Amino acid sequence: MPPEIHGTLNADGVRFAIVVARFNSFITDRLLAGALDALRRHGAADEGVTIVRVPGSFEIPPVARRLAQSGKFDAVLCLGCVIRGQTPHFEHVAGEAARGVGRVALETGVPTAFGILTCDTLEQAIERAGSKAGNKGADAAMTAIEMVNVYRKIDAM
């Protein structure tokens, strides 16, 4: 059987940056709370976490890139919420945020977790920020923890 690499959910000693959009803060604050809870539950220390607030989801990728390039963080979590309205604005913001976060991960080699909700309705956002559909901030934190450990195992080969 060929060897397999699996990430673990151990955040002990891992340094995280969390970029959080202020726009739709009634949702993003819940995402942040979920992310912080998940990080703590898996061994992250508060002093190993830096939170950066930005105006909206469109501003997340450039700040995430700067944080990833700084060499001060093992992973970057990106938390935001874009809710569809009656104009094409949603498509532009959601698309650029998704593309931008993906580019940060590829260009920097730093695990970058996508926790930006792109919902059709406020109800969908609420469901994904801690009610019926769980908390996507917590999911992003778990992804970041696992990816840091996957990268470390690959680097140790």
N, C-alpha and C. Protein backbone atom coordinates (compact mmCIF):
# COMPACT_ATOMS: atom_id res chain seq x y z
N MET A 1 0.85 -1.18 0.00
CA MET A 1 0.00 0.00 0.00
C MET A 1 0.89 1.25 0.00
N PRO A 2 0.65 2.18 -0.89
CA PRO A 2 1.45 3.41 -0.92
C PRO A 2 1.19 4.24 0.34
N PRO A 3 2.19 5.03 0.74
CA PRO A 3 1.98 5.88 1.92
C PRO A 3 0.97 6.98 1.63
N GLU A 4 0.26 7.36 2.66
CA GLU A 4 -0.70 8.46 2.56
C GLU A 4 -0.35 9.53 3.59
N ILE A 5 -0.57 10.76 3.21
CA ILE A 5 -0.36 11.87 4.13
C ILE A 5 -1.72 12.38 4.56
N HIS A 6 -1.88 12.49 5.86
CA HIS A 6 -3.13 13.01 6.43
C HIS A 6 -2.78 14.15 7.38
N GLY A 7 -3.56 15.20 7.32
CA GLY A 7 -3.38 16.28 8.28
C GLY A 7 -4.04 15.93 9.60
N THR A 8 -3.51 16.46 10.66
CA THR A 8 -4.11 16.27 11.98
C THR A 8 -4.79 17.57 12.39
N LEU A 9 -5.58 17.49 13.43
CA LEU A 9 -6.27 18.67 13.94
C LEU A 9 -5.61 19.12 15.23
N ASN A 10 -4.32 19.39 15.14
CA ASN A 10 -3.54 19.86 16.28
C ASN A 10 -3.01 21.26 15.95
N ALA A 11 -3.52 22.25 16.66
CA ALA A 11 -3.12 23.64 16.41
C ALA A 11 -2.11 24.16 17.41
N ASP A 12 -1.57 23.27 18.22
CA ASP A 12 -0.59 23.67 19.24
C ASP A 12 0.63 24.32 18.58
N GLY A 13 0.92 25.55 18.94
CA GLY A 13 2.08 26.26 18.41
C GLY A 13 1.91 26.83 17.02
N VAL A 14 0.74 26.69 16.42
CA VAL A 14 0.49 27.21 15.07
C VAL A 14 0.07 28.67 15.18
N ARG A 15 0.58 29.50 14.26
CA ARG A 15 0.26 30.93 14.24
C ARG A 15 -0.76 31.21 13.13
N PHE A 16 -1.87 31.81 13.51
CA PHE A 16 -2.97 32.07 12.58
C PHE A 16 -3.23 33.56 12.45
N ALA A 17 -3.55 33.98 11.24
CA ALA A 17 -4.11 35.31 11.00
C ALA A 17 -5.54 35.09 10.52
N ILE A 18 -6.45 35.89 11.03
CA ILE A 18 -7.84 35.83 10.60
C ILE A 18 -8.22 37.19 10.05
N VAL A 19 -8.60 37.22 8.79
CA VAL A 19 -9.07 38.45 8.15
C VAL A 19 -10.59 38.38 8.14
N VAL A 20 -11.23 39.39 8.75
CA VAL A 20 -12.68 39.40 8.92
C VAL A 20 -13.26 40.67 8.31
N ALA A 21 -14.25 40.50 7.46
CA ALA A 21 -14.95 41.66 6.88
C ALA A 21 -15.91 42.24 7.91
N ARG A 22 -15.94 43.57 7.99
CA ARG A 22 -16.90 44.25 8.87
C ARG A 22 -18.29 44.30 8.25
N PHE A 23 -18.37 44.33 6.92
CA PHE A 23 -19.67 44.39 6.25
C PHE A 23 -20.43 43.11 6.59
N ASN A 24 -21.69 43.23 6.93
CA ASN A 24 -22.51 42.12 7.41
C ASN A 24 -21.93 41.56 8.71
N SER A 25 -21.51 42.45 9.59
CA SER A 25 -20.84 42.04 10.83
C SER A 25 -21.72 41.18 11.73
N PHE A 26 -23.03 41.31 11.62
CA PHE A 26 -23.91 40.45 12.41
C PHE A 26 -23.73 38.99 12.02
N ILE A 27 -23.21 38.72 10.84
CA ILE A 27 -22.87 37.36 10.40
C ILE A 27 -21.39 37.09 10.62
N THR A 28 -20.53 38.02 10.20
CA THR A 28 -19.08 37.75 10.28
C THR A 28 -18.59 37.65 11.71
N ASP A 29 -19.24 38.35 12.65
CA ASP A 29 -18.86 38.20 14.06
C ASP A 29 -19.13 36.78 14.54
N ARG A 30 -20.21 36.18 14.06
CA ARG A 30 -20.52 34.78 14.41
C ARG A 30 -19.52 33.83 13.77
N LEU A 31 -19.11 34.13 12.55
CA LEU A 31 -18.09 33.29 11.89
C LEU A 31 -16.78 33.36 12.67
N LEU A 32 -16.42 34.57 13.09
CA LEU A 32 -15.19 34.74 13.87
C LEU A 32 -15.28 33.98 15.19
N ALA A 33 -16.40 34.07 15.87
CA ALA A 33 -16.56 33.35 17.14
C ALA A 33 -16.41 31.84 16.93
N GLY A 34 -16.99 31.34 15.86
CA GLY A 34 -16.87 29.92 15.55
C GLY A 34 -15.44 29.52 15.24
N ALA A 35 -14.73 30.36 14.50
CA ALA A 35 -13.33 30.08 14.16
C ALA A 35 -12.46 30.07 15.41
N LEU A 36 -12.63 31.08 16.26
CA LEU A 36 -11.83 31.15 17.48
C LEU A 36 -12.10 29.96 18.40
N ASP A 37 -13.35 29.58 18.51
CA ASP A 37 -13.70 28.42 19.34
C ASP A 37 -13.02 27.15 18.79
N ALA A 38 -13.09 26.94 17.49
CA ALA A 38 -12.47 25.75 16.90
C ALA A 38 -10.96 25.76 17.08
N LEU A 39 -10.33 26.92 16.89
CA LEU A 39 -8.88 27.00 17.07
C LEU A 39 -8.50 26.66 18.51
N ARG A 40 -9.20 27.25 19.47
CA ARG A 40 -8.90 26.99 20.88
C ARG A 40 -9.12 25.52 21.23
N ARG A 41 -10.19 24.94 20.74
CA ARG A 41 -10.50 23.53 21.04
C ARG A 41 -9.42 22.58 20.52
N HIS A 42 -8.69 23.03 19.53
CA HIS A 42 -7.65 22.18 18.94
C HIS A 42 -6.24 22.62 19.32
N GLY A 43 -6.13 23.44 20.36
CA GLY A 43 -4.83 23.72 20.94
C GLY A 43 -4.18 25.05 20.58
N ALA A 44 -4.84 25.88 19.79
CA ALA A 44 -4.25 27.19 19.46
C ALA A 44 -4.31 28.10 20.68
N ALA A 45 -3.25 28.84 20.89
CA ALA A 45 -3.21 29.82 21.97
C ALA A 45 -3.68 31.17 21.45
N ASP A 46 -4.34 31.94 22.30
CA ASP A 46 -4.81 33.26 21.87
C ASP A 46 -3.67 34.13 21.36
N GLU A 47 -2.49 34.02 21.97
CA GLU A 47 -1.36 34.84 21.51
C GLU A 47 -0.83 34.38 20.15
N GLY A 48 -1.29 33.25 19.67
CA GLY A 48 -0.89 32.77 18.34
C GLY A 48 -1.90 33.13 17.26
N VAL A 49 -2.87 33.97 17.62
CA VAL A 49 -3.92 34.36 16.67
C VAL A 49 -3.96 35.88 16.57
N THR A 50 -3.94 36.38 15.33
CA THR A 50 -4.07 37.81 15.07
C THR A 50 -5.31 38.02 14.21
N ILE A 51 -6.17 38.94 14.63
CA ILE A 51 -7.40 39.25 13.89
C ILE A 51 -7.23 40.59 13.21
N VAL A 52 -7.54 40.63 11.92
CA VAL A 52 -7.46 41.87 11.15
C VAL A 52 -8.84 42.13 10.56
N ARG A 53 -9.41 43.29 10.86
CA ARG A 53 -10.73 43.66 10.32
C ARG A 53 -10.54 44.52 9.07
N VAL A 54 -11.33 44.22 8.05
CA VAL A 54 -11.31 44.99 6.81
C VAL A 54 -12.74 45.40 6.48
N PRO A 55 -12.91 46.41 5.62
CA PRO A 55 -14.26 46.91 5.36
C PRO A 55 -15.24 45.85 4.83
N GLY A 56 -14.83 45.08 3.82
CA GLY A 56 -15.74 44.10 3.23
C GLY A 56 -14.99 42.92 2.65
N SER A 57 -15.73 42.01 2.05
CA SER A 57 -15.13 40.79 1.50
C SER A 57 -14.19 41.08 0.33
N PHE A 58 -14.46 42.13 -0.43
CA PHE A 58 -13.59 42.48 -1.55
C PHE A 58 -12.18 42.82 -1.08
N GLU A 59 -12.07 43.36 0.13
CA GLU A 59 -10.77 43.77 0.68
C GLU A 59 -10.02 42.63 1.36
N ILE A 60 -10.63 41.48 1.51
CA ILE A 60 -9.98 40.36 2.19
C ILE A 60 -8.73 39.86 1.46
N PRO A 61 -8.77 39.56 0.15
CA PRO A 61 -7.60 38.96 -0.49
C PRO A 61 -6.30 39.76 -0.40
N PRO A 62 -6.29 41.08 -0.65
CA PRO A 62 -4.99 41.75 -0.55
C PRO A 62 -4.41 41.76 0.86
N VAL A 63 -5.27 41.84 1.87
CA VAL A 63 -4.79 41.81 3.25
C VAL A 63 -4.31 40.39 3.58
N ALA A 64 -5.04 39.39 3.15
CA ALA A 64 -4.62 38.00 3.37
C ALA A 64 -3.27 37.74 2.71
N ARG A 65 -3.09 38.29 1.54
CA ARG A 65 -1.81 38.12 0.83
C ARG A 65 -0.65 38.74 1.62
N ARG A 66 -0.87 39.95 2.09
CA ARG A 66 0.18 40.63 2.85
C ARG A 66 0.52 39.85 4.12
N LEU A 67 -0.50 39.34 4.80
CA LEU A 67 -0.27 38.55 6.01
C LEU A 67 0.48 37.26 5.69
N ALA A 68 0.08 36.58 4.62
CA ALA A 68 0.73 35.33 4.23
C ALA A 68 2.19 35.58 3.84
N GLN A 69 2.44 36.66 3.16
CA GLN A 69 3.80 36.98 2.72
C GLN A 69 4.70 37.45 3.86
N SER A 70 4.11 37.83 4.98
CA SER A 70 4.90 38.38 6.08
C SER A 70 5.81 37.35 6.74
N GLY A 71 5.49 36.07 6.59
CA GLY A 71 6.27 35.03 7.23
C GLY A 71 5.95 34.88 8.71
N LYS A 72 4.98 35.63 9.21
CA LYS A 72 4.63 35.59 10.63
C LYS A 72 3.53 34.59 10.96
N PHE A 73 2.90 34.03 9.93
CA PHE A 73 1.74 33.17 10.15
C PHE A 73 1.88 31.87 9.39
N ASP A 74 1.37 30.80 10.01
CA ASP A 74 1.37 29.48 9.38
C ASP A 74 0.14 29.28 8.51
N ALA A 75 -0.92 30.02 8.78
CA ALA A 75 -2.15 29.92 8.00
C ALA A 75 -2.93 31.22 8.12
N VAL A 76 -3.76 31.47 7.11
CA VAL A 76 -4.61 32.66 7.09
C VAL A 76 -6.05 32.19 6.87
N LEU A 77 -6.95 32.65 7.71
CA LEU A 77 -8.37 32.37 7.55
C LEU A 77 -9.05 33.63 7.03
N CYS A 78 -9.92 33.47 6.05
CA CYS A 78 -10.63 34.59 5.44
C CYS A 78 -12.12 34.44 5.71
N LEU A 79 -12.69 35.38 6.45
CA LEU A 79 -14.09 35.30 6.86
C LEU A 79 -14.86 36.53 6.38
N GLY A 80 -15.93 36.28 5.66
CA GLY A 80 -16.76 37.37 5.16
C GLY A 80 -18.14 36.85 4.81
N CYS A 81 -19.00 37.76 4.36
CA CYS A 81 -20.36 37.38 4.00
C CYS A 81 -20.86 38.32 2.91
N VAL A 82 -21.21 37.73 1.77
CA VAL A 82 -21.79 38.48 0.67
C VAL A 82 -23.18 37.91 0.42
N ILE A 83 -24.18 38.76 0.49
CA ILE A 83 -25.57 38.32 0.29
C ILE A 83 -26.09 38.95 -0.99
N ARG A 84 -26.67 38.11 -1.84
CA ARG A 84 -27.17 38.56 -3.14
C ARG A 84 -28.22 39.66 -2.96
N GLY A 85 -28.09 40.67 -3.78
CA GLY A 85 -29.07 41.76 -3.77
C GLY A 85 -29.76 41.80 -5.12
N GLN A 86 -30.18 42.98 -5.51
CA GLN A 86 -30.93 43.12 -6.75
C GLN A 86 -30.09 43.65 -7.90
N THR A 87 -28.77 43.75 -7.67
CA THR A 87 -27.88 44.24 -8.72
C THR A 87 -26.76 43.21 -8.93
N PRO A 88 -25.97 43.37 -9.98
CA PRO A 88 -24.86 42.43 -10.23
C PRO A 88 -23.69 42.59 -9.26
N HIS A 89 -23.79 43.50 -8.32
CA HIS A 89 -22.72 43.73 -7.36
C HIS A 89 -22.29 42.43 -6.67
N PHE A 90 -23.25 41.58 -6.31
CA PHE A 90 -22.96 40.31 -5.64
C PHE A 90 -21.96 39.48 -6.43
N GLU A 91 -22.21 39.30 -7.73
CA GLU A 91 -21.33 38.47 -8.55
C GLU A 91 -19.91 39.01 -8.58
N HIS A 92 -19.77 40.31 -8.67
CA HIS A 92 -18.44 40.92 -8.72
C HIS A 92 -17.69 40.71 -7.41
N VAL A 93 -18.34 41.04 -6.30
CA VAL A 93 -17.67 40.92 -5.01
C VAL A 93 -17.39 39.46 -4.66
N ALA A 94 -18.39 38.60 -4.79
CA ALA A 94 -18.21 37.18 -4.45
C ALA A 94 -17.15 36.53 -5.33
N GLY A 95 -17.21 36.80 -6.63
CA GLY A 95 -16.24 36.20 -7.56
C GLY A 95 -14.82 36.66 -7.30
N GLU A 96 -14.64 37.94 -7.10
CA GLU A 96 -13.29 38.46 -6.86
C GLU A 96 -12.75 38.00 -5.51
N ALA A 97 -13.60 37.92 -4.51
CA ALA A 97 -13.16 37.44 -3.20
C ALA A 97 -12.69 35.98 -3.31
N ALA A 98 -13.46 35.16 -3.99
CA ALA A 98 -13.10 33.75 -4.14
C ALA A 98 -11.81 33.60 -4.95
N ARG A 99 -11.73 34.28 -6.07
CA ARG A 99 -10.51 34.21 -6.90
C ARG A 99 -9.30 34.72 -6.13
N GLY A 100 -9.50 35.83 -5.43
CA GLY A 100 -8.39 36.43 -4.69
C GLY A 100 -7.85 35.53 -3.59
N VAL A 101 -8.74 34.93 -2.82
CA VAL A 101 -8.29 34.04 -1.75
C VAL A 101 -7.57 32.83 -2.34
N GLY A 102 -8.08 32.29 -3.42
CA GLY A 102 -7.41 31.17 -4.09
C GLY A 102 -6.02 31.55 -4.58
N ARG A 103 -5.90 32.73 -5.12
CA ARG A 103 -4.58 33.19 -5.60
C ARG A 103 -3.60 33.36 -4.45
N VAL A 104 -4.07 33.85 -3.31
CA VAL A 104 -3.20 34.00 -2.15
C VAL A 104 -2.60 32.65 -1.78
N ALA A 105 -3.44 31.64 -1.71
CA ALA A 105 -2.97 30.31 -1.34
C ALA A 105 -1.94 29.79 -2.35
N LEU A 106 -2.22 29.96 -3.61
CA LEU A 106 -1.32 29.46 -4.65
C LEU A 106 -0.02 30.24 -4.73
N GLU A 107 -0.11 31.56 -4.64
CA GLU A 107 1.08 32.40 -4.81
C GLU A 107 2.01 32.39 -3.61
N THR A 108 1.45 32.22 -2.42
CA THR A 108 2.29 32.33 -1.22
C THR A 108 2.71 30.98 -0.66
N GLY A 109 1.96 29.93 -0.96
CA GLY A 109 2.24 28.63 -0.38
C GLY A 109 1.82 28.52 1.08
N VAL A 110 1.08 29.50 1.56
CA VAL A 110 0.59 29.48 2.94
C VAL A 110 -0.86 29.01 2.91
N PRO A 111 -1.22 28.03 3.74
CA PRO A 111 -2.62 27.61 3.77
C PRO A 111 -3.54 28.79 4.02
N THR A 112 -4.51 28.94 3.14
CA THR A 112 -5.44 30.07 3.20
C THR A 112 -6.85 29.51 3.13
N ALA A 113 -7.59 29.61 4.21
CA ALA A 113 -8.92 29.00 4.29
C ALA A 113 -10.00 29.98 3.85
N PHE A 114 -10.90 29.49 3.03
CA PHE A 114 -11.99 30.30 2.48
C PHE A 114 -13.23 30.14 3.36
N GLY A 115 -13.51 31.16 4.14
CA GLY A 115 -14.69 31.17 4.99
C GLY A 115 -15.56 32.37 4.66
N ILE A 116 -15.69 32.66 3.37
CA ILE A 116 -16.52 33.77 2.93
C ILE A 116 -17.84 33.21 2.44
N LEU A 117 -18.91 33.53 3.15
CA LEU A 117 -20.23 33.06 2.74
C LEU A 117 -20.68 33.82 1.50
N THR A 118 -21.24 33.11 0.55
CA THR A 118 -21.84 33.73 -0.63
C THR A 118 -23.26 33.17 -0.72
N CYS A 119 -24.20 33.91 -0.18
CA CYS A 119 -25.56 33.41 0.01
C CYS A 119 -26.57 34.20 -0.80
N ASP A 120 -27.66 33.53 -1.13
CA ASP A 120 -28.75 34.21 -1.83
C ASP A 120 -29.62 35.02 -0.87
N THR A 121 -29.70 34.57 0.39
CA THR A 121 -30.59 35.23 1.33
C THR A 121 -29.91 35.40 2.69
N LEU A 122 -30.46 36.29 3.48
CA LEU A 122 -30.00 36.48 4.85
C LEU A 122 -30.21 35.19 5.66
N GLU A 123 -31.30 34.52 5.42
CA GLU A 123 -31.58 33.28 6.15
C GLU A 123 -30.50 32.24 5.90
N GLN A 124 -30.04 32.12 4.65
CA GLN A 124 -28.96 31.19 4.34
C GLN A 124 -27.69 31.56 5.09
N ALA A 125 -27.39 32.83 5.16
CA ALA A 125 -26.20 33.28 5.88
C ALA A 125 -26.30 32.94 7.36
N ILE A 126 -27.45 33.19 7.95
CA ILE A 126 -27.65 32.88 9.36
C ILE A 126 -27.48 31.38 9.62
N GLU A 127 -28.02 30.56 8.72
CA GLU A 127 -27.89 29.11 8.85
C GLU A 127 -26.43 28.67 8.84
N ARG A 128 -25.58 29.36 8.08
CA ARG A 128 -24.18 28.97 7.92
C ARG A 128 -23.26 29.63 8.95
N ALA A 129 -23.84 30.50 9.76
CA ALA A 129 -23.05 31.21 10.77
C ALA A 129 -23.38 30.71 12.17
N GLY A 130 -23.82 29.48 12.27
CA GLY A 130 -23.99 28.90 13.59
C GLY A 130 -25.33 28.28 13.87
N SER A 131 -26.24 28.24 12.90
CA SER A 131 -27.50 27.56 13.20
C SER A 131 -27.56 26.23 12.46
N LYS A 132 -28.53 26.01 11.61
CA LYS A 132 -28.79 24.71 10.99
C LYS A 132 -27.60 24.10 10.25
N ALA A 133 -26.86 24.90 9.51
CA ALA A 133 -25.79 24.37 8.67
C ALA A 133 -24.42 24.45 9.35
N GLY A 134 -24.39 24.58 10.65
CA GLY A 134 -23.12 24.67 11.36
C GLY A 134 -22.54 26.06 11.28
N ASN A 135 -21.26 26.16 11.53
CA ASN A 135 -20.58 27.45 11.48
C ASN A 135 -19.41 27.35 10.51
N LYS A 136 -19.52 28.06 9.41
CA LYS A 136 -18.48 27.98 8.37
C LYS A 136 -17.18 28.65 8.81
N GLY A 137 -17.23 29.49 9.83
CA GLY A 137 -15.99 30.02 10.41
C GLY A 137 -15.22 28.91 11.10
N ALA A 138 -15.94 28.08 11.85
CA ALA A 138 -15.31 26.93 12.50
C ALA A 138 -14.77 25.97 11.45
N ASP A 139 -15.52 25.76 10.37
CA ASP A 139 -15.06 24.88 9.29
C ASP A 139 -13.77 25.42 8.67
N ALA A 140 -13.69 26.73 8.47
CA ALA A 140 -12.48 27.32 7.91
C ALA A 140 -11.30 27.13 8.85
N ALA A 141 -11.53 27.25 10.15
CA ALA A 141 -10.46 27.04 11.12
C ALA A 141 -9.95 25.61 11.07
N MET A 142 -10.87 24.65 11.00
CA MET A 142 -10.47 23.24 10.93
C MET A 142 -9.68 22.97 9.65
N THR A 143 -10.10 23.57 8.55
CA THR A 143 -9.37 23.42 7.29
C THR A 143 -7.96 23.97 7.43
N ALA A 144 -7.84 25.15 8.02
CA ALA A 144 -6.52 25.77 8.19
C ALA A 144 -5.61 24.90 9.05
N ILE A 145 -6.13 24.39 10.15
CA ILE A 145 -5.33 23.53 11.02
C ILE A 145 -4.85 22.30 10.26
N GLU A 146 -5.77 21.65 9.60
CA GLU A 146 -5.41 20.43 8.86
C GLU A 146 -4.39 20.71 7.77
N MET A 147 -4.58 21.79 7.03
CA MET A 147 -3.66 22.09 5.93
C MET A 147 -2.26 22.45 6.42
N VAL A 148 -2.15 23.15 7.54
CA VAL A 148 -0.84 23.43 8.11
C VAL A 148 -0.11 22.12 8.38
N ASN A 149 -0.82 21.16 8.95
CA ASN A 149 -0.20 19.88 9.27
C ASN A 149 0.09 19.03 8.04
N VAL A 150 -0.73 19.13 7.01
CA VAL A 150 -0.44 18.46 5.74
C VAL A 150 0.84 19.04 5.14
N TYR A 151 0.94 20.36 5.09
CA TYR A 151 2.13 21.02 4.53
C TYR A 151 3.38 20.61 5.31
N ARG A 152 3.26 20.58 6.64
CA ARG A 152 4.43 20.21 7.46
C ARG A 152 4.87 18.78 7.17
N LYS A 153 3.93 17.88 6.99
CA LYS A 153 4.28 16.49 6.69
C LYS A 153 4.91 16.37 5.31
N ILE A 154 4.41 17.11 4.36
CA ILE A 154 5.01 17.11 3.02
C ILE A 154 6.42 17.65 3.08
N ASP A 155 6.61 18.75 3.79
CA ASP A 155 7.94 19.37 3.91
C ASP A 155 8.92 18.46 4.62
N ALA A 156 8.44 17.59 5.50
CA ALA A 156 9.33 16.71 6.26
C ALA A 156 9.70 15.44 5.49
N MET A 157 9.14 15.24 4.33
CA MET A 157 9.43 14.02 3.57
C MET A 157 10.85 14.01 3.04
